[in-house]
Amino acid sequence: MAEGELPHPGWAPGKISKSRERPRPLSDSRESPDSLCPRCVPEIRARIIQGESDIKALLQGGPGEIKAEIVEEMEGS
């Protein structure tokens, strides 16, 4: 393989495209990322496994989701 050329895996329909050739996501997730509460999510999963809650609560309700915002600070600010 020539330098700078990306591989063509057997499972792929063609060569892997370079990052500049890939389509961008519809929304830029860096602007408003979501995170999951490390305490809430295991509690919710446990209630589902124990039959105390329905899986729909996890899939549709978004429990444990934490909205976040990335803030860049300039050096020296």
C-alpha atoms as a PDB file:
ATOM      1  CA  MET A   1       0.000   0.000   0.000  1.00  0.00           C
ATOM      2  CA  ALA A   2       1.382   3.394  -0.948  1.00  0.00           C
ATOM      3  CA  GLU A   3       2.039   5.986   1.733  1.00  0.00           C
ATOM      4  CA  GLY A   4      -1.073   8.021   2.467  1.00  0.00           C
ATOM      5  CA  GLU A   5      -3.352   5.383   0.916  1.00  0.00           C
ATOM      6  CA  LEU A   6      -6.034   3.958   3.160  1.00  0.00           C
ATOM      7  CA  PRO A   7      -6.813   0.228   3.300  1.00  0.00           C
ATOM      8  CA  HIS A   8      -9.697  -1.618   1.677  1.00  0.00           C
ATOM      9  CA  PRO A   9     -10.915  -4.111   4.300  1.00  0.00           C
ATOM     10  CA  GLY A  10     -12.534  -7.268   2.989  1.00  0.00           C
ATOM     11  CA  TRP A  11     -15.823  -6.459   4.754  1.00  0.00           C
ATOM     12  CA  ALA A  12     -16.064  -2.939   3.297  1.00  0.00           C
ATOM     13  CA  PRO A  13     -17.508  -2.059  -0.122  1.00  0.00           C
ATOM     14  CA  GLY A  14     -14.457   0.064  -0.904  1.00  0.00           C
ATOM     15  CA  LYS A  15     -11.441   1.791   0.547  1.00  0.00           C
ATOM     16  CA  ILE A  16     -11.874   3.621   3.808  1.00  0.00           C
ATOM     17  CA  SER A  17     -12.516   7.264   3.043  1.00  0.00           C
ATOM     18  CA  LYS A  18     -10.322  10.001   4.445  1.00  0.00           C
ATOM     19  CA  SER A  19     -11.830  12.149   7.184  1.00  0.00           C
ATOM     20  CA  ARG A  20     -12.190  15.153   4.864  1.00  0.00           C
ATOM     21  CA  GLU A  21     -14.204  12.959   2.457  1.00  0.00           C
ATOM     22  CA  ARG A  22     -16.638  11.665   5.098  1.00  0.00           C
ATOM     23  CA  PRO A  23     -20.016  13.335   5.545  1.00  0.00           C
ATOM     24  CA  ARG A  24     -20.381  15.511   8.623  1.00  0.00           C
ATOM     25  CA  PRO A  25     -23.066  14.700  11.188  1.00  0.00           C
ATOM     26  CA  LEU A  26     -26.274  16.709  10.945  1.00  0.00           C
ATOM     27  CA  SER A  27     -25.582  18.443  14.225  1.00  0.00           C
ATOM     28  CA  ASP A  28     -22.243  19.230  15.747  1.00  0.00           C
ATOM     29  CA  SER A  29     -22.280  17.215  18.965  1.00  0.00           C
ATOM     30  CA  ARG A  30     -19.367  19.262  20.305  1.00  0.00           C
ATOM     31  CA  GLU A  31     -21.726  22.193  20.846  1.00  0.00           C
ATOM     32  CA  SER A  32     -24.074  20.435  23.257  1.00  0.00           C
ATOM     33  CA  PRO A  33     -22.825  17.024  24.304  1.00  0.00           C
ATOM     34  CA  ASP A  34     -24.862  14.677  26.434  1.00  0.00           C
ATOM     35  CA  SER A  35     -23.447  12.712  29.289  1.00  0.00           C
ATOM     36  CA  LEU A  36     -24.894  10.030  31.545  1.00  0.00           C
ATOM     37  CA  CYS A  37     -25.073  10.200  35.314  1.00  0.00           C
ATOM     38  CA  PRO A  38     -22.753   7.484  36.655  1.00  0.00           C
ATOM     39  CA  ARG A  39     -25.076   6.909  39.619  1.00  0.00           C
ATOM     40  CA  CYS A  40     -28.535   7.257  38.030  1.00  0.00           C
ATOM     41  CA  VAL A  41     -28.102   5.004  35.006  1.00  0.00           C
ATOM     42  CA  PRO A  42     -27.029   1.879  36.970  1.00  0.00           C
ATOM     43  CA  GLU A  43     -29.941   2.459  39.369  1.00  0.00           C
ATOM     44  CA  ILE A  44     -32.393   2.682  36.476  1.00  0.00           C
ATOM     45  CA  ARG A  45     -30.932  -0.429  34.828  1.00  0.00           C
ATOM     46  CA  ALA A  46     -31.215  -2.343  38.107  1.00  0.00           C
ATOM     47  CA  ARG A  47     -34.909  -1.380  38.449  1.00  0.00           C
ATOM     48  CA  ILE A  48     -35.545  -2.598  34.888  1.00  0.00           C
ATOM     49  CA  ILE A  49     -33.771  -5.912  35.541  1.00  0.00           C
ATOM     50  CA  GLN A  50     -35.726  -6.396  38.789  1.00  0.00           C
ATOM     51  CA  GLY A  51     -38.986  -5.740  36.941  1.00  0.00           C
ATOM     52  CA  GLU A  52     -39.745  -2.560  38.875  1.00  0.00           C
ATOM     53  CA  SER A  53     -39.574  -0.373  35.775  1.00  0.00           C
ATOM     54  CA  ASP A  54     -40.230  -0.829  32.066  1.00  0.00           C
ATOM     55  CA  ILE A  55     -37.423  -0.595  29.504  1.00  0.00           C
ATOM     56  CA  LYS A  56     -39.380   2.170  27.781  1.00  0.00           C
ATOM     57  CA  ALA A  57     -38.490   4.431  30.698  1.00  0.00           C
ATOM     58  CA  LEU A  58     -34.830   4.139  29.751  1.00  0.00           C
ATOM     59  CA  LEU A  59     -35.305   4.319  26.000  1.00  0.00           C
ATOM     60  CA  GLN A  60     -37.893   7.080  25.774  1.00  0.00           C
ATOM     61  CA  GLY A  61     -37.571   9.090  28.964  1.00  0.00           C
ATOM     62  CA  GLY A  62     -33.867   9.842  28.844  1.00  0.00           C
ATOM     63  CA  PRO A  63     -33.314   9.378  32.576  1.00  0.00           C
ATOM     64  CA  GLY A  64     -29.807  10.017  33.773  1.00  0.00           C
ATOM     65  CA  GLU A  65     -29.000  12.255  30.825  1.00  0.00           C
ATOM     66  CA  ILE A  66     -26.990  15.322  31.656  1.00  0.00           C
ATOM     67  CA  LYS A  67     -26.951  18.164  29.176  1.00  0.00           C
ATOM     68  CA  ALA A  68     -23.552  19.771  29.005  1.00  0.00           C
ATOM     69  CA  GLU A  69     -21.870  22.661  27.316  1.00  0.00           C
ATOM     70  CA  ILE A  70     -18.253  22.849  26.236  1.00  0.00           C
ATOM     71  CA  VAL A  71     -16.678  26.139  27.224  1.00  0.00           C
ATOM     72  CA  GLU A  72     -13.263  27.074  25.935  1.00  0.00           C
ATOM     73  CA  GLU A  73     -11.122  29.251  28.144  1.00  0.00           C
ATOM     74  CA  MET A  74      -8.391  31.339  26.683  1.00  0.00           C
ATOM     75  CA  GLU A  75      -5.016  30.940  28.335  1.00  0.00           C
ATOM     76  CA  GLY A  76      -4.402  33.779  30.747  1.00  0.00           C
ATOM     77  CA  SER A  77      -8.116  34.601  31.136  1.00  0.00           C
END
